[in-house]
Amino acid sequence: MTAVAQKKQSYVNDNSLMRLIMAIKRTNADIWFSKAVRLRDGHCLVCGTDQSLECAHIYGRRRKIVRYSMDNAVTLCHHHHRVFTENPLAFAGFLETELGAGHLEILTEKCRGILKENKAVRDEIAKHYREQIKLYEKDQSHIFVSYN
């Protein structure tokens, strides 16, 4: 293997490792919350597809107080999630049209709070959304109740 080929190989490995290191850990609370949001909406709110659905947070997951709030998430297909991640102004415009300025103002105010998160709280959140999903599976007219 030439020195250039070895160098290219090391960049590939370093990049892969960096992506693994930089990934935000998904807990059971994240997984069950995401499922609940996707079930609530059932389709991408932009194009209507029911394929490759993802839970898109309005305020990022680092904002613990709204990380698991149903008010802070919408369902988007993979394509539109990427488009809005790269174009936050377009996302803001879409949200104002889709949810309304009042919803966003309330969410902004809610975002100012503090949530002390630990494993017990995350387990409680996961349990809450598991139960919400079970209720929805029994009766699809069930309206999801947010944890906070």
Protein backbone atom coordinates (compact mmCIF):
# COMPACT_ATOMS: atom_id res chain seq x y z
CA MET A 1 0.00 0.00 0.00
CA THR A 2 1.40 3.39 -0.95
CA ALA A 3 1.84 6.21 1.53
CA VAL A 4 -0.99 8.15 -0.17
CA ALA A 5 -3.32 5.15 0.01
CA GLN A 6 -2.43 4.64 3.68
CA LYS A 7 -3.09 8.31 4.40
CA LYS A 8 -6.49 8.17 2.63
CA GLN A 9 -7.34 5.02 4.61
CA SER A 10 -6.45 6.72 7.91
CA TYR A 11 -8.68 9.71 7.02
CA VAL A 12 -11.58 7.36 6.33
CA ASN A 13 -11.07 5.64 9.68
CA ASP A 14 -10.62 8.93 11.56
CA ASN A 15 -13.78 10.38 10.01
CA SER A 16 -15.81 7.30 10.92
CA LEU A 17 -14.48 7.39 14.46
CA MET A 18 -15.22 11.12 14.75
CA ARG A 19 -18.84 10.56 13.66
CA LEU A 20 -19.21 7.88 16.34
CA ILE A 21 -17.71 10.14 18.99
CA MET A 22 -19.85 13.15 18.04
CA ALA A 23 -23.19 11.30 17.90
CA ILE A 24 -25.69 12.27 20.57
CA LYS A 25 -26.59 9.25 22.64
CA ARG A 26 -30.18 8.08 22.23
CA THR A 27 -31.79 6.79 25.41
CA ASN A 28 -34.95 4.69 25.77
CA ALA A 29 -36.75 7.94 26.53
CA ASP A 30 -35.58 9.34 23.16
CA ILE A 31 -36.66 6.20 21.32
CA TRP A 32 -40.14 6.01 22.84
CA PHE A 33 -40.66 9.77 22.51
CA SER A 34 -39.72 9.62 18.83
CA LYS A 35 -42.13 6.73 18.22
CA ALA A 36 -44.94 8.65 19.93
CA VAL A 37 -44.36 11.77 17.81
CA ARG A 38 -44.24 9.74 14.58
CA LEU A 39 -47.43 7.85 15.53
CA ARG A 40 -49.18 11.09 16.50
CA ASP A 41 -48.52 12.70 13.11
CA GLY A 42 -48.44 9.56 10.96
CA HIS A 43 -46.78 11.25 7.98
CA CYS A 44 -44.30 13.94 6.99
CA LEU A 45 -45.97 17.27 7.70
CA VAL A 46 -44.38 18.75 4.57
CA CYS A 47 -44.94 16.22 1.79
CA GLY A 48 -47.33 13.71 3.37
CA THR A 49 -45.23 10.59 2.83
CA ASP A 50 -45.30 7.86 5.45
CA GLN A 51 -41.85 6.54 4.49
CA SER A 52 -38.55 7.19 6.34
CA LEU A 53 -40.21 9.23 9.08
CA GLU A 54 -38.13 11.02 11.69
CA CYS A 55 -38.86 13.03 14.81
CA ALA A 56 -37.65 16.60 14.28
CA HIS A 57 -37.15 18.77 17.34
CA ILE A 58 -37.99 22.45 17.09
CA TYR A 59 -35.59 23.36 19.90
CA GLY A 60 -32.61 20.99 19.88
CA ARG A 61 -32.33 18.00 22.18
CA ARG A 62 -29.78 19.84 24.32
CA ARG A 63 -32.66 21.91 25.71
CA LYS A 64 -33.57 19.32 28.34
CA ILE A 65 -36.78 21.03 29.48
CA VAL A 66 -38.43 20.54 26.07
CA ARG A 67 -36.45 17.55 24.78
CA TYR A 68 -39.36 15.20 25.53
CA SER A 69 -42.22 17.65 25.03
CA MET A 70 -44.70 16.76 22.27
CA ASP A 71 -45.05 20.51 21.61
CA ASN A 72 -41.38 20.61 20.61
CA ALA A 73 -41.41 17.98 17.87
CA VAL A 74 -42.92 17.33 14.48
CA THR A 75 -42.70 14.42 12.07
CA LEU A 76 -40.69 14.89 8.90
CA CYS A 77 -39.41 12.48 6.28
CA HIS A 78 -35.65 12.03 6.16
CA HIS A 79 -35.38 14.37 3.17
CA HIS A 80 -37.29 17.27 4.73
CA HIS A 81 -35.55 16.79 8.09
CA ARG A 82 -32.20 17.30 6.32
CA VAL A 83 -33.51 20.24 4.27
CA PHE A 84 -34.74 22.05 7.40
CA THR A 85 -31.59 21.19 9.38
CA GLU A 86 -29.56 22.93 6.70
CA ASN A 87 -32.07 25.81 6.34
CA PRO A 88 -33.26 26.87 9.81
CA LEU A 89 -35.03 30.00 8.48
CA ALA A 90 -37.11 27.84 6.15
CA PHE A 91 -37.90 25.56 9.11
CA ALA A 92 -38.99 28.56 11.19
CA GLY A 93 -41.28 29.73 8.38
CA PHE A 94 -42.76 26.25 7.99
CA LEU A 95 -43.37 25.95 11.74
CA GLU A 96 -45.09 29.34 11.94
CA THR A 97 -47.39 28.34 9.08
CA GLU A 98 -47.99 24.79 10.35
CA LEU A 99 -48.24 25.38 14.13
CA GLY A 100 -48.88 29.11 14.41
CA ALA A 101 -46.99 31.95 16.05
CA GLY A 102 -48.82 31.40 19.37
CA HIS A 103 -47.60 27.81 19.64
CA LEU A 104 -44.02 28.92 19.02
CA GLU A 105 -44.26 31.74 21.57
CA ILE A 106 -45.53 29.35 24.26
CA LEU A 107 -42.77 26.87 23.37
CA THR A 108 -40.14 29.62 23.58
CA GLU A 109 -41.38 30.55 27.06
CA LYS A 110 -41.45 26.88 28.12
CA CYS A 111 -37.86 26.54 26.87
CA ARG A 112 -36.63 28.92 29.56
CA GLY A 113 -37.28 26.39 32.33
CA ILE A 114 -34.89 23.82 33.75
CA LEU A 115 -35.18 20.04 33.88
CA LYS A 116 -32.71 18.09 35.96
CA GLU A 117 -32.31 14.87 34.02
CA ASN A 118 -30.99 11.57 35.34
CA LYS A 119 -31.55 7.89 34.61
CA ALA A 120 -34.63 7.67 36.85
CA VAL A 121 -36.26 10.63 35.06
CA ARG A 122 -35.40 9.19 31.63
CA ASP A 123 -36.88 5.82 32.68
CA GLU A 124 -40.05 7.59 33.83
CA ILE A 125 -40.28 9.45 30.50
CA ALA A 126 -39.78 6.22 28.52
CA LYS A 127 -42.50 4.52 30.58
CA HIS A 128 -44.87 7.44 30.00
CA TYR A 129 -44.50 7.31 26.21
CA ARG A 130 -44.68 3.48 26.13
CA GLU A 131 -48.02 3.75 27.92
CA GLN A 132 -49.20 6.48 25.54
CA ILE A 133 -48.33 4.28 22.56
CA LYS A 134 -50.20 1.31 24.09
CA LEU A 135 -53.28 3.52 24.54
CA TYR A 136 -52.99 4.67 20.93
CA GLU A 137 -52.67 1.09 19.68
CA LYS A 138 -55.91 0.19 21.49
CA ASP A 139 -57.74 3.29 20.29
CA GLN A 140 -56.31 5.31 17.40
CA SER A 141 -58.45 8.29 18.34
CA HIS A 142 -56.34 8.57 21.52
CA ILE A 143 -54.73 11.99 21.86
CA PHE A 144 -51.13 11.78 23.03
CA VAL A 145 -50.41 13.47 26.35
CA SER A 146 -46.98 15.04 26.63
CA TYR A 147 -44.74 14.17 29.55
CA ASN A 148 -44.19 17.86 30.23
